[in-house]
Amino acid sequence: MRYAKRGRLRFTSHRDISRAVERAVRRAGIPVAYSAGFSPHPKISYAGAAPTGVASEAEYLEIGVTTPCVPDQVRQGLDESLPPGLDVLDVVEAGPGGLADRLEVSDWEVRLPGADRELAEVAAEKFLAAGTVEVERLTKKGPRRFDAREAVLGLVVSEGADRTAAQMLGGPCVILRMVVRHMTPAVRPDDVLTGLRLVADFAPPVPPEVTRLAQGPLDVSTGALADPLDLDRDTTRGGEAGPAGEYVVG
């Protein structure tokens, strides 16, 4: 399943989103499978979730169900049961292979209201020309240093329409489009912005507005992202039962 996280819902934590999805699954009457053991829980798994505070048009999850379901009915039922801002965009019956393994790259849009485009272009050029750009992020285990440059496959600067924050600052809205490979540790857009500040002293005047536009496998021949659900779109294929008669809708 692909869903979007929009508007104020971008500030919702992953835990709150998972709770909302579990409630929506019950409301929609989806025959979700449960784990075994003393404390069974619904078999819903998330892949490549965006950080809190980031909007996304390409979040993914898988739901294990006990009986075959019609994907479009699942999409409609869940979309009607979820709060506005969590919007179900696509549902397919999952085929072989792990969904998480297909999410190799993310395409991000970072809006920087009031930023200077020329300074942003210089910073992007210096970042891409650098062999390594070490940044530091505070994790649960303390500060961690890693290279933010290796994961960035593309970084382009453009200019968008003015928004409220940009108008208040009397300047345009600079847009960064970055294509970032999924690595360990994960390199996030804010890590790239930290790298731009380190290599060129480029710092946006207001907090950025970050949206993930897509994530999926990388087409090495074109450099574009492919749809990770394309492998599962054979509607003529019958349901394939998993362990203990469990089916999967992704």
C-alpha atoms as a PDB file:
ATOM      1  CA  MET A   1       0.000   0.000   0.000  1.00  0.00           C
ATOM      2  CA  ARG A   2       1.218   3.490  -0.844  1.00  0.00           C
ATOM      3  CA  TYR A   3      -0.141   6.357   1.209  1.00  0.00           C
ATOM      4  CA  ALA A   4       0.540  10.066   1.591  1.00  0.00           C
ATOM      5  CA  LYS A   5       1.268  12.084   4.717  1.00  0.00           C
ATOM      6  CA  ARG A   6       0.113  15.641   4.059  1.00  0.00           C
ATOM      7  CA  GLY A   7      -0.530  18.962   5.760  1.00  0.00           C
ATOM      8  CA  ARG A   8      -0.412  18.980   9.559  1.00  0.00           C
ATOM      9  CA  LEU A   9      -0.212  15.174   9.571  1.00  0.00           C
ATOM     10  CA  ARG A  10       3.475  15.499   8.663  1.00  0.00           C
ATOM     11  CA  PHE A  11       4.085  16.297  12.334  1.00  0.00           C
ATOM     12  CA  THR A  12       2.497  13.002  13.417  1.00  0.00           C
ATOM     13  CA  SER A  13       4.895  10.447  14.874  1.00  0.00           C
ATOM     14  CA  HIS A  14       5.293   7.024  13.313  1.00  0.00           C
ATOM     15  CA  ARG A  15       3.749   5.432  16.410  1.00  0.00           C
ATOM     16  CA  ASP A  16       0.618   7.588  16.085  1.00  0.00           C
ATOM     17  CA  ILE A  17       0.362   6.770  12.384  1.00  0.00           C
ATOM     18  CA  SER A  18       0.583   3.042  13.103  1.00  0.00           C
ATOM     19  CA  ARG A  19      -2.188   3.375  15.692  1.00  0.00           C
ATOM     20  CA  ALA A  20      -4.361   5.259  13.211  1.00  0.00           C
ATOM     21  CA  VAL A  21      -3.783   2.570  10.573  1.00  0.00           C
ATOM     22  CA  GLU A  22      -4.697  -0.229  13.007  1.00  0.00           C
ATOM     23  CA  ARG A  23      -7.945   1.549  13.914  1.00  0.00           C
ATOM     24  CA  ALA A  24      -8.707   2.150  10.227  1.00  0.00           C
ATOM     25  CA  VAL A  25      -8.123  -1.525   9.425  1.00  0.00           C
ATOM     26  CA  ARG A  26     -10.703  -2.492  12.059  1.00  0.00           C
ATOM     27  CA  ARG A  27     -13.220   0.136  10.885  1.00  0.00           C
ATOM     28  CA  ALA A  28     -12.842  -0.959   7.263  1.00  0.00           C
ATOM     29  CA  GLY A  29     -13.479  -4.603   8.184  1.00  0.00           C
ATOM     30  CA  ILE A  30     -10.221  -5.850   6.646  1.00  0.00           C
ATOM     31  CA  PRO A  31      -9.515  -9.469   7.757  1.00  0.00           C
ATOM     32  CA  VAL A  32      -6.062  -8.679   9.114  1.00  0.00           C
ATOM     33  CA  ALA A  33      -3.839 -11.537  10.259  1.00  0.00           C
ATOM     34  CA  TYR A  34      -2.386 -11.526  13.781  1.00  0.00           C
ATOM     35  CA  SER A  35       0.912 -12.777  15.109  1.00  0.00           C
ATOM     36  CA  ALA A  36       1.057 -15.810  17.378  1.00  0.00           C
ATOM     37  CA  GLY A  37       2.178 -15.766  20.985  1.00  0.00           C
ATOM     38  CA  PHE A  38       1.042 -14.356  24.291  1.00  0.00           C
ATOM     39  CA  SER A  39       0.389 -10.844  22.947  1.00  0.00           C
ATOM     40  CA  PRO A  40      -0.822 -11.080  19.325  1.00  0.00           C
ATOM     41  CA  HIS A  41      -0.592  -7.938  17.200  1.00  0.00           C
ATOM     42  CA  PRO A  42      -1.846  -7.186  13.663  1.00  0.00           C
ATOM     43  CA  LYS A  43       0.576  -8.063  10.888  1.00  0.00           C
ATOM     44  CA  ILE A  44       1.183  -4.598   9.511  1.00  0.00           C
ATOM     45  CA  SER A  45       4.743  -3.710   8.535  1.00  0.00           C
ATOM     46  CA  TYR A  46       6.096  -0.336   7.436  1.00  0.00           C
ATOM     47  CA  ALA A  47       8.933   0.228   4.972  1.00  0.00           C
ATOM     48  CA  GLY A  48      11.125   3.314   4.757  1.00  0.00           C
ATOM     49  CA  ALA A  49       8.965   5.637   6.860  1.00  0.00           C
ATOM     50  CA  ALA A  50       9.712   9.373   6.569  1.00  0.00           C
ATOM     51  CA  PRO A  51      10.867  11.257   9.694  1.00  0.00           C
ATOM     52  CA  THR A  52       8.413  13.208  11.855  1.00  0.00           C
ATOM     53  CA  GLY A  53       7.887  16.711  10.467  1.00  0.00           C
ATOM     54  CA  VAL A  54       8.327  15.606   6.851  1.00  0.00           C
ATOM     55  CA  ALA A  55       5.468  15.349   4.355  1.00  0.00           C
ATOM     56  CA  SER A  56       5.409  12.475   1.888  1.00  0.00           C
ATOM     57  CA  GLU A  57       3.628  11.292  -1.229  1.00  0.00           C
ATOM     58  CA  ALA A  58       5.284   7.883  -1.076  1.00  0.00           C
ATOM     59  CA  GLU A  59       4.963   6.007   2.215  1.00  0.00           C
ATOM     60  CA  TYR A  60       4.583   2.227   2.073  1.00  0.00           C
ATOM     61  CA  LEU A  61       3.241  -0.553   4.259  1.00  0.00           C
ATOM     62  CA  GLU A  62       2.169  -4.187   3.977  1.00  0.00           C
ATOM     63  CA  ILE A  63      -0.872  -5.776   5.611  1.00  0.00           C
ATOM     64  CA  GLY A  64      -1.147  -9.533   6.152  1.00  0.00           C
ATOM     65  CA  VAL A  65      -4.739 -10.725   5.691  1.00  0.00           C
ATOM     66  CA  THR A  66      -6.371 -14.081   6.382  1.00  0.00           C
ATOM     67  CA  THR A  67      -8.457 -14.183   3.197  1.00  0.00           C
ATOM     68  CA  PRO A  68      -7.945 -12.699  -0.279  1.00  0.00           C
ATOM     69  CA  CYS A  69      -9.152  -9.102  -0.634  1.00  0.00           C
ATOM     70  CA  VAL A  70      -9.957  -6.875  -3.603  1.00  0.00           C
ATOM     71  CA  PRO A  71      -7.192  -4.237  -3.600  1.00  0.00           C
ATOM     72  CA  ASP A  72      -9.435  -1.355  -4.714  1.00  0.00           C
ATOM     73  CA  GLN A  73     -11.941  -2.134  -1.961  1.00  0.00           C
ATOM     74  CA  VAL A  74      -9.110  -2.172   0.589  1.00  0.00           C
ATOM     75  CA  ARG A  75      -7.891   1.186  -0.711  1.00  0.00           C
ATOM     76  CA  GLN A  76     -11.324   2.782  -0.543  1.00  0.00           C
ATOM     77  CA  GLY A  77     -12.160   1.338   2.892  1.00  0.00           C
ATOM     78  CA  LEU A  78      -8.883   2.416   4.458  1.00  0.00           C
ATOM     79  CA  ASP A  79      -8.924   5.853   2.848  1.00  0.00           C
ATOM     80  CA  GLU A  80     -12.409   6.544   4.202  1.00  0.00           C
ATOM     81  CA  SER A  81     -11.398   5.321   7.683  1.00  0.00           C
ATOM     82  CA  LEU A  82      -8.163   7.302   8.019  1.00  0.00           C
ATOM     83  CA  PRO A  83      -8.057  10.972   9.065  1.00  0.00           C
ATOM     84  CA  PRO A  84      -7.660  13.660   6.366  1.00  0.00           C
ATOM     85  CA  GLY A  85      -3.980  14.035   5.589  1.00  0.00           C
ATOM     86  CA  LEU A  86      -3.324  10.293   5.665  1.00  0.00           C
ATOM     87  CA  ASP A  87      -4.490   9.414   2.166  1.00  0.00           C
ATOM     88  CA  VAL A  88      -4.322   5.933   0.646  1.00  0.00           C
ATOM     89  CA  LEU A  89      -3.142   6.243  -2.952  1.00  0.00           C
ATOM     90  CA  ASP A  90      -2.509   2.712  -4.198  1.00  0.00           C
ATOM     91  CA  VAL A  91      -3.077  -0.880  -3.046  1.00  0.00           C
ATOM     92  CA  VAL A  92      -1.950  -4.052  -4.817  1.00  0.00           C
ATOM     93  CA  GLU A  93      -1.842  -7.721  -3.940  1.00  0.00           C
ATOM     94  CA  ALA A  94       1.743  -8.460  -2.948  1.00  0.00           C
ATOM     95  CA  GLY A  95       3.768 -10.922  -4.978  1.00  0.00           C
ATOM     96  CA  PRO A  96       7.047 -12.626  -4.105  1.00  0.00           C
ATOM     97  CA  GLY A  97       9.948 -10.610  -2.774  1.00  0.00           C
ATOM     98  CA  GLY A  98      10.210  -8.065   0.009  1.00  0.00           C
ATOM     99  CA  LEU A  99       8.800  -4.588  -0.486  1.00  0.00           C
ATOM    100  CA  ALA A 100      11.516  -3.004   1.670  1.00  0.00           C
ATOM    101  CA  ASP A 101      14.226  -4.375  -0.648  1.00  0.00           C
ATOM    102  CA  ARG A 102      12.766  -2.376  -3.552  1.00  0.00           C
ATOM    103  CA  LEU A 103      12.930   0.967  -1.741  1.00  0.00           C
ATOM    104  CA  GLU A 104      16.474   1.825  -2.749  1.00  0.00           C
ATOM    105  CA  VAL A 105      16.259   5.586  -3.371  1.00  0.00           C
ATOM    106  CA  SER A 106      14.136   8.589  -2.346  1.00  0.00           C
ATOM    107  CA  ASP A 107      13.346  11.729  -4.338  1.00  0.00           C
ATOM    108  CA  TRP A 108      12.991  14.719  -1.991  1.00  0.00           C
ATOM    109  CA  GLU A 109      11.742  18.270  -2.475  1.00  0.00           C
ATOM    110  CA  VAL A 110      13.097  20.800   0.037  1.00  0.00           C
ATOM    111  CA  ARG A 111      11.523  24.259  -0.063  1.00  0.00           C
ATOM    112  CA  LEU A 112      13.626  27.053   1.433  1.00  0.00           C
ATOM    113  CA  PRO A 113      11.504  30.237   1.757  1.00  0.00           C
ATOM    114  CA  GLY A 114      13.546  33.420   1.627  1.00  0.00           C
ATOM    115  CA  ALA A 115      16.806  31.691   0.659  1.00  0.00           C
ATOM    116  CA  ASP A 116      19.146  33.123  -1.970  1.00  0.00           C
ATOM    117  CA  ARG A 117      19.202  31.019  -5.131  1.00  0.00           C
ATOM    118  CA  GLU A 118      22.744  31.958  -6.170  1.00  0.00           C
ATOM    119  CA  LEU A 119      24.114  31.015  -2.751  1.00  0.00           C
ATOM    120  CA  ALA A 120      22.158  27.759  -2.886  1.00  0.00           C
ATOM    121  CA  GLU A 121      23.576  26.911  -6.321  1.00  0.00           C
ATOM    122  CA  VAL A 122      27.144  27.590  -5.158  1.00  0.00           C
ATOM    123  CA  ALA A 123      26.597  25.443  -2.061  1.00  0.00           C
ATOM    124  CA  ALA A 124      25.129  22.593  -4.149  1.00  0.00           C
ATOM    125  CA  GLU A 125      28.093  22.705  -6.537  1.00  0.00           C
ATOM    126  CA  LYS A 126      30.589  22.573  -3.682  1.00  0.00           C
ATOM    127  CA  PHE A 127      28.698  19.749  -2.012  1.00  0.00           C
ATOM    128  CA  LEU A 128      28.611  17.639  -5.190  1.00  0.00           C
ATOM    129  CA  ALA A 129      32.284  18.352  -5.895  1.00  0.00           C
ATOM    130  CA  ALA A 130      33.353  17.210  -2.438  1.00  0.00           C
ATOM    131  CA  GLY A 131      34.676  13.687  -2.007  1.00  0.00           C
ATOM    132  CA  THR A 132      33.147  13.352   1.452  1.00  0.00           C
ATOM    133  CA  VAL A 133      31.043  15.638   3.631  1.00  0.00           C
ATOM    134  CA  GLU A 134      31.023  14.463   7.223  1.00  0.00           C
ATOM    135  CA  VAL A 135      28.049  15.548   9.308  1.00  0.00           C
ATOM    136  CA  GLU A 136      27.043  14.798  12.861  1.00  0.00           C
ATOM    137  CA  ARG A 137      23.598  13.787  14.082  1.00  0.00           C
ATOM    138  CA  LEU A 138      22.408  13.147  17.617  1.00  0.00           C
ATOM    139  CA  THR A 139      21.029   9.591  17.879  1.00  0.00           C
ATOM    140  CA  LYS A 140      19.654   7.532  20.747  1.00  0.00           C
ATOM    141  CA  LYS A 141      23.188   6.264  21.315  1.00  0.00           C
ATOM    142  CA  GLY A 142      24.685   9.753  21.287  1.00  0.00           C
ATOM    143  CA  PRO A 143      26.342  11.846  18.544  1.00  0.00           C
ATOM    144  CA  ARG A 144      27.219   9.978  15.354  1.00  0.00           C
ATOM    145  CA  ARG A 145      29.381  11.159  12.460  1.00  0.00           C
ATOM    146  CA  PHE A 146      28.902   9.883   8.913  1.00  0.00           C
ATOM    147  CA  ASP A 147      29.397  10.872   5.274  1.00  0.00           C
ATOM    148  CA  ALA A 148      26.356  12.657   3.816  1.00  0.00           C
ATOM    149  CA  ARG A 149      27.858  13.007   0.322  1.00  0.00           C
ATOM    150  CA  GLU A 150      28.072   9.351  -0.717  1.00  0.00           C
ATOM    151  CA  ALA A 151      24.296   8.802  -0.599  1.00  0.00           C
ATOM    152  CA  VAL A 152      23.372  11.854  -2.728  1.00  0.00           C
ATOM    153  CA  LEU A 153      22.935  10.853  -6.374  1.00  0.00           C
ATOM    154  CA  GLY A 154      21.538  14.178  -7.549  1.00  0.00           C
ATOM    155  CA  LEU A 155      21.069  17.713  -6.211  1.00  0.00           C
ATOM    156  CA  VAL A 156      19.352  20.429  -8.279  1.00  0.00           C
ATOM    157  CA  VAL A 157      18.421  23.997  -7.338  1.00  0.00           C
ATOM    158  CA  SER A 158      15.377  25.805  -8.752  1.00  0.00           C
ATOM    159  CA  GLU A 159      13.066  28.626  -7.747  1.00  0.00           C
ATOM    160  CA  GLY A 160       9.378  28.311  -6.867  1.00  0.00           C
ATOM    161  CA  ALA A 161       6.436  30.579  -6.278  1.00  0.00           C
ATOM    162  CA  ASP A 162       6.442  32.784  -3.200  1.00  0.00           C
ATOM    163  CA  ARG A 163       4.825  31.434  -0.046  1.00  0.00           C
ATOM    164  CA  THR A 164       3.785  33.287   3.094  1.00  0.00           C
ATOM    165  CA  ALA A 165       7.129  32.882   4.853  1.00  0.00           C
ATOM    166  CA  ALA A 166       9.014  33.936   1.741  1.00  0.00           C
ATOM    167  CA  GLN A 167       6.826  37.008   1.274  1.00  0.00           C
ATOM    168  CA  MET A 168       7.397  38.030   4.902  1.00  0.00           C
ATOM    169  CA  LEU A 169      11.139  37.860   4.277  1.00  0.00           C
ATOM    170  CA  GLY A 170      10.827  39.733   1.000  1.00  0.00           C
ATOM    171  CA  GLY A 171      12.448  37.005  -1.101  1.00  0.00           C
ATOM    172  CA  PRO A 172      11.742  34.009  -3.311  1.00  0.00           C
ATOM    173  CA  CYS A 173      11.388  30.369  -2.353  1.00  0.00           C
ATOM    174  CA  VAL A 174      14.371  28.263  -3.376  1.00  0.00           C
ATOM    175  CA  ILE A 175      13.652  24.583  -4.075  1.00  0.00           C
ATOM    176  CA  LEU A 176      16.197  21.813  -3.724  1.00  0.00           C
ATOM    177  CA  ARG A 177      15.461  18.486  -5.452  1.00  0.00           C
ATOM    178  CA  MET A 178      17.672  15.733  -4.134  1.00  0.00           C
ATOM    179  CA  VAL A 179      17.830  12.049  -4.990  1.00  0.00           C
ATOM    180  CA  VAL A 180      19.266  10.135  -2.048  1.00  0.00           C
ATOM    181  CA  ARG A 181      20.229   6.469  -1.889  1.00  0.00           C
ATOM    182  CA  HIS A 182      19.017   4.522   1.147  1.00  0.00           C
ATOM    183  CA  MET A 183      22.054   3.601   3.225  1.00  0.00           C
ATOM    184  CA  THR A 184      22.991   2.778   6.805  1.00  0.00           C
ATOM    185  CA  PRO A 185      22.972   5.133   8.574  1.00  0.00           C
ATOM    186  CA  ALA A 186      20.178   6.786   6.590  1.00  0.00           C
ATOM    187  CA  VAL A 187      21.046  10.165   5.072  1.00  0.00           C
ATOM    188  CA  ARG A 188      18.095  12.531   5.452  1.00  0.00           C
ATOM    189  CA  PRO A 189      17.440  15.915   3.789  1.00  0.00           C
ATOM    190  CA  ASP A 190      18.398  17.748   6.983  1.00  0.00           C
ATOM    191  CA  ASP A 191      21.789  15.970   6.862  1.00  0.00           C
ATOM    192  CA  VAL A 192      22.299  17.306   3.325  1.00  0.00           C
ATOM    193  CA  LEU A 193      21.363  20.818   4.506  1.00  0.00           C
ATOM    194  CA  THR A 194      23.919  20.452   7.285  1.00  0.00           C
ATOM    195  CA  GLY A 195      26.451  19.456   4.644  1.00  0.00           C
ATOM    196  CA  LEU A 196      25.631  22.564   2.569  1.00  0.00           C
ATOM    197  CA  ARG A 197      26.261  24.714   5.619  1.00  0.00           C
ATOM    198  CA  LEU A 198      29.609  23.008   6.263  1.00  0.00           C
ATOM    199  CA  VAL A 199      30.961  23.268   2.711  1.00  0.00           C
ATOM    200  CA  ALA A 200      29.618  26.736   1.813  1.00  0.00           C
ATOM    201  CA  ASP A 201      28.177  28.334   4.953  1.00  0.00           C
ATOM    202  CA  PHE A 202      24.716  28.146   3.357  1.00  0.00           C
ATOM    203  CA  ALA A 203      21.949  28.349   5.970  1.00  0.00           C
ATOM    204  CA  PRO A 204      18.247  28.971   5.121  1.00  0.00           C
ATOM    205  CA  PRO A 205      16.663  31.883   7.033  1.00  0.00           C
ATOM    206  CA  VAL A 206      13.613  29.815   8.077  1.00  0.00           C
ATOM    207  CA  PRO A 207      13.034  26.080   8.665  1.00  0.00           C
ATOM    208  CA  PRO A 208      12.714  24.088   5.416  1.00  0.00           C
ATOM    209  CA  GLU A 209       9.533  22.468   4.124  1.00  0.00           C
ATOM    210  CA  VAL A 210      10.441  18.889   3.191  1.00  0.00           C
ATOM    211  CA  THR A 211       8.356  16.486   1.081  1.00  0.00           C
ATOM    212  CA  ARG A 212       9.263  13.029  -0.151  1.00  0.00           C
ATOM    213  CA  LEU A 213       7.933  12.825  -3.706  1.00  0.00           C
ATOM    214  CA  ALA A 214       8.810   9.200  -4.441  1.00  0.00           C
ATOM    215  CA  GLN A 215      10.831   6.230  -3.318  1.00  0.00           C
ATOM    216  CA  GLY A 216      11.581   2.979  -5.069  1.00  0.00           C
ATOM    217  CA  PRO A 217      14.139   1.025  -7.085  1.00  0.00           C
ATOM    218  CA  LEU A 218      16.662   2.963  -9.150  1.00  0.00           C
ATOM    219  CA  ASP A 219      16.658   2.439 -12.911  1.00  0.00           C
ATOM    220  CA  VAL A 220      20.399   2.485 -13.613  1.00  0.00           C
ATOM    221  CA  SER A 221      19.849   2.996 -17.356  1.00  0.00           C
ATOM    222  CA  THR A 222      17.859   6.226 -16.953  1.00  0.00           C
ATOM    223  CA  GLY A 223      18.723   7.315 -13.407  1.00  0.00           C
ATOM    224  CA  ALA A 224      15.001   7.584 -12.637  1.00  0.00           C
ATOM    225  CA  LEU A 225      13.003   5.974  -9.843  1.00  0.00           C
ATOM    226  CA  ALA A 226      10.682   3.113 -10.740  1.00  0.00           C
ATOM    227  CA  ASP A 227       7.372   2.318  -9.032  1.00  0.00           C
ATOM    228  CA  PRO A 228       8.077  -0.333  -6.359  1.00  0.00           C
ATOM    229  CA  LEU A 229       4.561  -1.766  -6.794  1.00  0.00           C
ATOM    230  CA  ASP A 230       4.897  -2.391 -10.538  1.00  0.00           C
ATOM    231  CA  LEU A 231       6.070  -5.977  -9.946  1.00  0.00           C
ATOM    232  CA  ASP A 232       2.762  -6.724  -8.188  1.00  0.00           C
ATOM    233  CA  ARG A 233       0.317  -5.265 -10.722  1.00  0.00           C
ATOM    234  CA  ASP A 234      -0.508  -8.505 -12.582  1.00  0.00           C
ATOM    235  CA  THR A 235      -4.242  -8.526 -11.885  1.00  0.00           C
ATOM    236  CA  THR A 236      -4.705 -11.892 -13.590  1.00  0.00           C
ATOM    237  CA  ARG A 237      -2.622 -13.678 -10.966  1.00  0.00           C
ATOM    238  CA  GLY A 238      -4.580 -15.402  -8.234  1.00  0.00           C
ATOM    239  CA  GLY A 239      -3.878 -14.923  -4.533  1.00  0.00           C
ATOM    240  CA  GLU A 240      -0.905 -16.822  -3.219  1.00  0.00           C
ATOM    241  CA  ALA A 241      -1.254 -18.022   0.336  1.00  0.00           C
ATOM    242  CA  GLY A 242       1.580 -17.351   2.729  1.00  0.00           C
ATOM    243  CA  PRO A 243       2.344 -19.115   6.014  1.00  0.00           C
ATOM    244  CA  ALA A 244      -0.717 -20.553   7.754  1.00  0.00           C
ATOM    245  CA  GLY A 245      -3.035 -19.403   4.945  1.00  0.00           C
ATOM    246  CA  GLU A 246      -2.018 -15.778   5.299  1.00  0.00           C
ATOM    247  CA  TYR A 247      -2.252 -13.470   2.299  1.00  0.00           C
ATOM    248  CA  VAL A 248      -0.484 -10.154   1.932  1.00  0.00           C
ATOM    249  CA  VAL A 249      -1.833  -6.904   0.535  1.00  0.00           C
ATOM    250  CA  GLY A 250       0.904  -4.314   0.025  1.00  0.00           C
END
